[in-house]
């Protein structure tokens, strides 16, 4: 595993496999590129210090992310406190699956430009779990 003076990385630039990413990465952007679902768990396990994660993934342009797998992979990143899912076209059940992988560390969540209705009771209960969320 290599280290870097830069701890902000973007998948699809010079990062194309989990082995390419520096272990000390604290900010990761997965933007408009296809992240292979079979590598997502390995990718998140490779960045234990990750605190900021951004998905800017339009499903119409780039195919469909498996949000259940995203939630499961997030279990490997216990320090994520900022999650940006802007323009991901999320529905309530997809957000719920993502939040199942988040710890109480989560305090900032960007959900602009999604299909969320917030009419899922389980989602509302899960959101209430995050007492520091803004």
N, C-alpha and C. Protein backbone atom coordinates (compact mmCIF):
# COMPACT_ATOMS: atom_id res chain seq x y z
N UNK A 1 0.85 -1.17 0.00
CA UNK A 1 0.00 0.00 0.00
C UNK A 1 0.90 1.24 0.00
N UNK A 2 0.67 2.13 -0.90
CA UNK A 2 1.49 3.34 -0.95
C UNK A 2 0.88 4.44 -0.09
N UNK A 3 1.69 5.41 0.28
CA UNK A 3 1.17 6.57 1.01
C UNK A 3 1.39 7.79 0.15
N UNK A 4 0.72 8.86 0.51
CA UNK A 4 0.73 10.04 -0.33
C UNK A 4 0.65 11.28 0.54
N UNK A 5 1.29 12.39 0.09
CA UNK A 5 1.09 13.64 0.81
C UNK A 5 -0.32 14.19 0.60
N UNK A 6 -1.02 13.64 -0.36
CA UNK A 6 -2.39 14.05 -0.65
C UNK A 6 -3.33 12.97 -0.15
N UNK A 7 -4.33 13.35 0.60
CA UNK A 7 -5.23 12.34 1.14
C UNK A 7 -6.63 12.47 0.56
N UNK A 8 -6.74 13.13 -0.58
CA UNK A 8 -8.02 13.25 -1.29
C UNK A 8 -7.85 12.55 -2.64
N UNK A 9 -8.71 11.59 -2.92
CA UNK A 9 -8.57 10.79 -4.13
C UNK A 9 -9.89 10.73 -4.90
N UNK A 10 -9.77 10.50 -6.21
CA UNK A 10 -10.95 10.35 -7.06
C UNK A 10 -10.80 9.08 -7.86
N UNK A 11 -11.75 8.17 -7.68
CA UNK A 11 -11.75 6.92 -8.43
C UNK A 11 -11.88 7.21 -9.92
N UNK A 12 -11.08 6.54 -10.72
CA UNK A 12 -11.16 6.72 -12.16
C UNK A 12 -10.14 7.70 -12.70
N UNK A 13 -9.47 8.45 -11.82
CA UNK A 13 -8.39 9.34 -12.27
C UNK A 13 -7.14 8.46 -12.34
N UNK A 14 -6.31 8.48 -11.32
CA UNK A 14 -5.18 7.55 -11.28
C UNK A 14 -5.52 6.34 -10.42
N UNK A 15 -6.66 6.38 -9.79
CA UNK A 15 -7.11 5.30 -8.91
C UNK A 15 -8.07 4.41 -9.70
N UNK A 16 -7.62 3.20 -10.02
CA UNK A 16 -8.47 2.29 -10.77
C UNK A 16 -8.63 0.93 -10.10
N UNK A 17 -7.83 0.67 -9.08
CA UNK A 17 -7.98 -0.55 -8.29
C UNK A 17 -7.79 -0.18 -6.83
N UNK A 18 -8.31 -0.96 -5.93
CA UNK A 18 -8.12 -0.65 -4.51
C UNK A 18 -6.65 -0.56 -4.11
N UNK A 19 -5.80 -1.30 -4.79
CA UNK A 19 -4.37 -1.27 -4.48
C UNK A 19 -3.72 0.07 -4.84
N UNK A 20 -4.34 0.84 -5.73
CA UNK A 20 -3.79 2.13 -6.16
C UNK A 20 -4.00 3.24 -5.14
N UNK A 21 -4.91 3.05 -4.22
CA UNK A 21 -5.30 4.14 -3.34
C UNK A 21 -4.41 4.19 -2.10
N UNK A 22 -3.92 5.36 -1.76
CA UNK A 22 -3.10 5.48 -0.55
C UNK A 22 -3.91 5.16 0.71
N UNK A 23 -3.31 4.45 1.62
CA UNK A 23 -3.97 4.03 2.85
C UNK A 23 -4.44 5.20 3.71
N UNK A 24 -3.73 6.34 3.60
CA UNK A 24 -4.06 7.49 4.44
C UNK A 24 -5.13 8.40 3.83
N UNK A 25 -5.81 7.94 2.80
CA UNK A 25 -6.86 8.72 2.16
C UNK A 25 -8.00 8.97 3.14
N UNK A 26 -8.40 10.23 3.27
CA UNK A 26 -9.54 10.54 4.14
C UNK A 26 -10.75 11.03 3.35
N UNK A 27 -10.56 11.41 2.08
CA UNK A 27 -11.66 11.88 1.24
C UNK A 27 -11.63 11.13 -0.09
N UNK A 28 -12.74 10.55 -0.46
CA UNK A 28 -12.82 9.78 -1.69
C UNK A 28 -14.06 10.21 -2.46
N UNK A 29 -13.88 10.48 -3.75
CA UNK A 29 -14.99 10.83 -4.63
C UNK A 29 -15.16 9.74 -5.67
N UNK A 30 -16.37 9.24 -5.78
CA UNK A 30 -16.73 8.27 -6.80
C UNK A 30 -17.72 8.99 -7.69
N UNK A 31 -17.19 9.64 -8.72
CA UNK A 31 -17.98 10.56 -9.53
C UNK A 31 -17.98 10.17 -10.99
N UNK A 32 -19.16 9.94 -11.50
CA UNK A 32 -19.36 9.69 -12.93
C UNK A 32 -18.41 8.63 -13.47
N UNK A 33 -18.14 7.64 -12.69
CA UNK A 33 -17.34 6.51 -13.15
C UNK A 33 -17.94 5.25 -12.56
N UNK A 34 -17.76 4.18 -13.25
CA UNK A 34 -18.31 2.92 -12.77
C UNK A 34 -17.34 2.28 -11.80
N UNK A 35 -17.78 2.12 -10.59
CA UNK A 35 -17.00 1.41 -9.60
C UNK A 35 -17.48 -0.03 -9.62
N UNK A 36 -16.61 -0.96 -9.95
CA UNK A 36 -17.05 -2.36 -9.98
C UNK A 36 -17.54 -2.78 -8.60
N UNK A 37 -18.76 -3.30 -8.53
CA UNK A 37 -19.34 -3.68 -7.24
C UNK A 37 -18.50 -4.73 -6.53
N UNK A 38 -17.86 -5.62 -7.30
CA UNK A 38 -17.04 -6.64 -6.66
C UNK A 38 -15.78 -6.05 -6.02
N UNK A 39 -15.42 -4.83 -6.38
CA UNK A 39 -14.24 -4.20 -5.79
C UNK A 39 -14.59 -3.17 -4.72
N UNK A 40 -15.86 -2.86 -4.56
CA UNK A 40 -16.26 -1.82 -3.62
C UNK A 40 -15.86 -2.17 -2.18
N UNK A 41 -16.08 -3.42 -1.77
CA UNK A 41 -15.71 -3.83 -0.42
C UNK A 41 -14.20 -3.72 -0.22
N UNK A 42 -13.44 -4.17 -1.21
CA UNK A 42 -11.97 -4.07 -1.13
C UNK A 42 -11.52 -2.62 -1.10
N UNK A 43 -12.18 -1.78 -1.88
CA UNK A 43 -11.83 -0.37 -1.94
C UNK A 43 -12.02 0.29 -0.57
N UNK A 44 -13.18 0.09 0.04
CA UNK A 44 -13.45 0.71 1.33
C UNK A 44 -12.56 0.13 2.43
N UNK A 45 -12.26 -1.16 2.36
CA UNK A 45 -11.37 -1.78 3.34
C UNK A 45 -9.95 -1.22 3.21
N UNK A 46 -9.58 -0.75 2.02
CA UNK A 46 -8.23 -0.22 1.77
C UNK A 46 -8.04 1.19 2.32
N UNK A 47 -9.12 1.85 2.73
CA UNK A 47 -9.03 3.23 3.23
C UNK A 47 -9.67 3.33 4.62
N UNK A 48 -9.03 2.76 5.63
CA UNK A 48 -9.63 2.74 6.97
C UNK A 48 -9.78 4.12 7.60
N UNK A 49 -9.06 5.11 7.11
CA UNK A 49 -9.13 6.47 7.66
C UNK A 49 -10.16 7.34 6.95
N UNK A 50 -10.92 6.77 6.04
CA UNK A 50 -11.89 7.53 5.25
C UNK A 50 -12.91 8.23 6.13
N UNK A 51 -13.06 9.55 5.94
CA UNK A 51 -14.04 10.32 6.69
C UNK A 51 -15.07 11.00 5.78
N UNK A 52 -14.69 11.28 4.53
CA UNK A 52 -15.58 11.97 3.59
C UNK A 52 -15.73 11.10 2.34
N UNK A 53 -16.97 10.81 1.99
CA UNK A 53 -17.25 9.98 0.83
C UNK A 53 -18.31 10.66 -0.02
N UNK A 54 -18.01 10.80 -1.31
CA UNK A 54 -18.93 11.44 -2.25
C UNK A 54 -19.28 10.48 -3.37
N UNK A 55 -20.58 10.28 -3.56
CA UNK A 55 -21.11 9.57 -4.72
C UNK A 55 -21.85 10.62 -5.54
N UNK A 56 -21.38 10.89 -6.73
CA UNK A 56 -22.15 11.73 -7.65
C UNK A 56 -22.38 10.89 -8.88
N UNK A 57 -23.29 9.99 -8.76
CA UNK A 57 -23.48 8.92 -9.72
C UNK A 57 -24.89 8.95 -10.26
N UNK A 58 -25.07 9.47 -11.42
CA UNK A 58 -26.40 9.48 -12.04
C UNK A 58 -26.67 8.13 -12.64
N UNK A 59 -27.72 7.52 -12.20
CA UNK A 59 -28.00 6.16 -12.64
C UNK A 59 -28.30 6.08 -14.14
N UNK A 60 -28.90 7.08 -14.71
CA UNK A 60 -29.21 7.04 -16.14
C UNK A 60 -27.96 7.05 -17.00
N UNK A 61 -26.93 7.78 -16.57
CA UNK A 61 -25.72 7.91 -17.37
C UNK A 61 -24.76 6.75 -17.18
N UNK A 62 -24.67 6.22 -15.96
CA UNK A 62 -23.58 5.31 -15.64
C UNK A 62 -24.01 3.93 -15.20
N UNK A 63 -25.24 3.58 -15.37
CA UNK A 63 -25.69 2.30 -14.88
C UNK A 63 -26.11 2.41 -13.42
N UNK A 64 -26.58 1.35 -12.87
CA UNK A 64 -27.17 1.37 -11.53
C UNK A 64 -26.17 0.84 -10.52
N UNK A 65 -25.91 1.65 -9.49
CA UNK A 65 -25.12 1.16 -8.36
C UNK A 65 -26.01 0.27 -7.50
N UNK A 66 -25.44 -0.75 -6.93
CA UNK A 66 -26.17 -1.61 -6.01
C UNK A 66 -26.04 -0.99 -4.62
N UNK A 67 -27.06 -0.25 -4.20
CA UNK A 67 -26.98 0.50 -2.94
C UNK A 67 -26.96 -0.41 -1.73
N UNK A 68 -27.49 -1.63 -1.85
CA UNK A 68 -27.37 -2.61 -0.76
C UNK A 68 -25.89 -2.93 -0.55
N UNK A 69 -25.17 -3.14 -1.65
CA UNK A 69 -23.74 -3.43 -1.55
C UNK A 69 -22.95 -2.23 -1.05
N UNK A 70 -23.37 -1.03 -1.43
CA UNK A 70 -22.73 0.19 -0.93
C UNK A 70 -22.87 0.24 0.59
N UNK A 71 -24.08 -0.02 1.09
CA UNK A 71 -24.31 -0.03 2.54
C UNK A 71 -23.45 -1.05 3.25
N UNK A 72 -23.36 -2.24 2.69
CA UNK A 72 -22.52 -3.29 3.29
C UNK A 72 -21.05 -2.91 3.26
N UNK A 73 -20.60 -2.31 2.17
CA UNK A 73 -19.20 -1.90 2.06
C UNK A 73 -18.89 -0.78 3.05
N UNK A 74 -19.86 0.08 3.32
CA UNK A 74 -19.64 1.17 4.28
C UNK A 74 -19.34 0.65 5.69
N UNK A 75 -19.72 -0.57 5.98
CA UNK A 75 -19.40 -1.16 7.28
C UNK A 75 -17.89 -1.24 7.49
N UNK A 76 -17.13 -1.19 6.42
CA UNK A 76 -15.67 -1.24 6.51
C UNK A 76 -15.04 0.14 6.72
N UNK A 77 -15.86 1.17 6.77
CA UNK A 77 -15.37 2.54 6.94
C UNK A 77 -16.04 3.19 8.15
N UNK A 78 -15.60 2.83 9.35
CA UNK A 78 -16.31 3.28 10.55
C UNK A 78 -16.17 4.76 10.88
N UNK A 79 -15.29 5.48 10.19
CA UNK A 79 -15.06 6.88 10.52
C UNK A 79 -15.72 7.87 9.57
N UNK A 80 -16.51 7.38 8.62
CA UNK A 80 -17.17 8.29 7.68
C UNK A 80 -18.14 9.19 8.43
N UNK A 81 -17.88 10.50 8.35
CA UNK A 81 -18.77 11.46 9.01
C UNK A 81 -19.45 12.38 8.01
N UNK A 82 -19.06 12.29 6.74
CA UNK A 82 -19.65 13.11 5.68
C UNK A 82 -19.96 12.20 4.50
N UNK A 83 -21.20 12.20 4.07
CA UNK A 83 -21.62 11.39 2.95
C UNK A 83 -22.40 12.26 1.98
N UNK A 84 -21.92 12.33 0.75
CA UNK A 84 -22.55 13.15 -0.27
C UNK A 84 -23.14 12.21 -1.32
N UNK A 85 -24.45 12.20 -1.43
CA UNK A 85 -25.14 11.39 -2.43
C UNK A 85 -25.94 12.29 -3.37
N UNK A 86 -25.38 13.43 -3.70
CA UNK A 86 -26.02 14.41 -4.56
C UNK A 86 -26.21 13.84 -5.97
N UNK A 87 -27.39 14.01 -6.49
CA UNK A 87 -27.74 13.59 -7.86
C UNK A 87 -27.60 12.08 -8.09
N UNK A 88 -27.84 11.29 -7.06
CA UNK A 88 -27.76 9.84 -7.22
C UNK A 88 -29.10 9.21 -7.57
N UNK A 89 -30.15 10.03 -7.62
CA UNK A 89 -31.50 9.57 -7.91
C UNK A 89 -31.95 8.49 -6.94
N UNK A 90 -31.61 8.67 -5.67
CA UNK A 90 -31.97 7.71 -4.63
C UNK A 90 -33.45 7.74 -4.32
N UNK A 91 -33.99 6.57 -4.05
CA UNK A 91 -35.33 6.43 -3.50
C UNK A 91 -35.18 6.13 -2.01
N UNK A 92 -36.27 6.20 -1.27
CA UNK A 92 -36.23 5.99 0.17
C UNK A 92 -35.54 4.68 0.56
N UNK A 93 -35.92 3.57 -0.08
CA UNK A 93 -35.37 2.27 0.29
C UNK A 93 -33.87 2.20 0.01
N UNK A 94 -33.38 2.91 -1.01
CA UNK A 94 -31.95 2.91 -1.31
C UNK A 94 -31.17 3.69 -0.25
N UNK A 95 -31.71 4.83 0.16
CA UNK A 95 -31.06 5.58 1.23
C UNK A 95 -31.01 4.76 2.51
N UNK A 96 -32.07 4.06 2.81
CA UNK A 96 -32.09 3.21 3.99
C UNK A 96 -30.96 2.18 3.94
N UNK A 97 -30.76 1.55 2.80
CA UNK A 97 -29.69 0.55 2.66
C UNK A 97 -28.32 1.18 2.87
N UNK A 98 -28.12 2.38 2.38
CA UNK A 98 -26.84 3.08 2.58
C UNK A 98 -26.64 3.37 4.07
N UNK A 99 -27.67 3.89 4.71
CA UNK A 99 -27.56 4.27 6.12
C UNK A 99 -27.34 3.08 7.04
N UNK A 100 -27.75 1.90 6.62
CA UNK A 100 -27.50 0.69 7.42
C UNK A 100 -26.00 0.44 7.58
N UNK A 101 -25.20 0.96 6.67
CA UNK A 101 -23.75 0.77 6.75
C UNK A 101 -23.03 1.90 7.46
N UNK A 102 -23.75 2.91 7.90
CA UNK A 102 -23.12 4.08 8.54
C UNK A 102 -23.16 3.96 10.05
N UNK A 103 -22.14 4.51 10.70
CA UNK A 103 -22.07 4.52 12.16
C UNK A 103 -22.56 5.87 12.67
N UNK A 104 -22.58 6.00 13.98
CA UNK A 104 -22.99 7.26 14.60
C UNK A 104 -22.04 8.41 14.27
N UNK A 105 -20.89 8.11 13.68
CA UNK A 105 -19.95 9.14 13.27
C UNK A 105 -20.57 10.06 12.20
N UNK A 106 -21.54 9.54 11.44
CA UNK A 106 -22.15 10.32 10.37
C UNK A 106 -22.83 11.56 10.94
N UNK A 107 -22.38 12.73 10.50
CA UNK A 107 -23.00 13.97 10.98
C UNK A 107 -23.39 14.90 9.84
N UNK A 108 -22.98 14.60 8.61
CA UNK A 108 -23.36 15.45 7.48
C UNK A 108 -23.74 14.57 6.31
N UNK A 109 -24.90 14.85 5.74
CA UNK A 109 -25.46 14.05 4.66
C UNK A 109 -26.05 14.98 3.61
N UNK A 110 -25.52 14.93 2.39
CA UNK A 110 -26.01 15.75 1.29
C UNK A 110 -26.88 14.86 0.40
N UNK A 111 -28.17 15.18 0.34
CA UNK A 111 -29.12 14.38 -0.43
C UNK A 111 -29.84 15.20 -1.50
N UNK A 112 -29.27 16.30 -1.91
CA UNK A 112 -29.95 17.15 -2.89
C UNK A 112 -30.09 16.43 -4.23
N UNK A 113 -31.16 16.77 -4.93
CA UNK A 113 -31.45 16.24 -6.27
C UNK A 113 -31.61 14.72 -6.28
N UNK A 114 -32.47 14.21 -5.41
CA UNK A 114 -32.80 12.80 -5.36
C UNK A 114 -34.31 12.62 -5.43
N UNK A 115 -34.76 11.37 -5.45
CA UNK A 115 -36.19 11.05 -5.56
C UNK A 115 -36.79 10.73 -4.20
N UNK A 116 -36.23 11.24 -3.15
CA UNK A 116 -36.64 10.89 -1.79
C UNK A 116 -38.00 11.48 -1.43
N UNK A 117 -38.84 10.67 -0.81
CA UNK A 117 -40.16 11.11 -0.35
C UNK A 117 -40.24 11.11 1.18
N UNK A 118 -39.36 10.39 1.83
CA UNK A 118 -39.32 10.25 3.29
C UNK A 118 -40.66 9.75 3.84
N UNK A 119 -41.24 8.77 3.14
CA UNK A 119 -42.48 8.17 3.62
C UNK A 119 -42.28 6.73 4.07
N UNK A 120 -41.05 6.31 4.23
CA UNK A 120 -40.69 4.98 4.71
C UNK A 120 -40.40 5.08 6.21
N UNK A 121 -41.20 4.40 7.03
CA UNK A 121 -41.06 4.51 8.49
C UNK A 121 -39.71 4.00 8.98
N UNK A 122 -39.22 2.94 8.37
CA UNK A 122 -37.92 2.40 8.77
C UNK A 122 -36.80 3.40 8.46
N UNK A 123 -36.92 4.11 7.34
CA UNK A 123 -35.94 5.14 7.00
C UNK A 123 -35.96 6.27 8.02
N UNK A 124 -37.15 6.70 8.40
CA UNK A 124 -37.27 7.78 9.38
C UNK A 124 -36.65 7.35 10.71
N UNK A 125 -36.92 6.11 11.13
CA UNK A 125 -36.31 5.61 12.38
C UNK A 125 -34.79 5.59 12.27
N UNK A 126 -34.29 5.16 11.12
CA UNK A 126 -32.83 5.09 10.94
C UNK A 126 -32.22 6.49 10.95
N UNK A 127 -32.86 7.45 10.34
CA UNK A 127 -32.36 8.82 10.35
C UNK A 127 -32.33 9.39 11.77
N UNK A 128 -33.28 9.01 12.59
CA UNK A 128 -33.32 9.48 13.98
C UNK A 128 -32.17 8.90 14.81
N UNK A 129 -31.60 7.81 14.35
CA UNK A 129 -30.45 7.18 15.00
C UNK A 129 -29.23 8.10 14.99
N UNK A 130 -29.13 8.91 13.95
CA UNK A 130 -27.99 9.82 13.80
C UNK A 130 -28.31 11.15 14.48
N UNK A 131 -27.98 11.24 15.74
CA UNK A 131 -28.37 12.41 16.54
C UNK A 131 -27.60 13.67 16.19
N UNK A 132 -26.44 13.55 15.56
CA UNK A 132 -25.64 14.74 15.20
C UNK A 132 -25.79 15.12 13.73
N UNK A 133 -26.72 14.51 13.06
CA UNK A 133 -26.89 14.71 11.62
C UNK A 133 -27.42 16.09 11.30
N UNK A 134 -26.80 16.70 10.28
CA UNK A 134 -27.30 17.99 9.79
C UNK A 134 -27.46 17.95 8.30
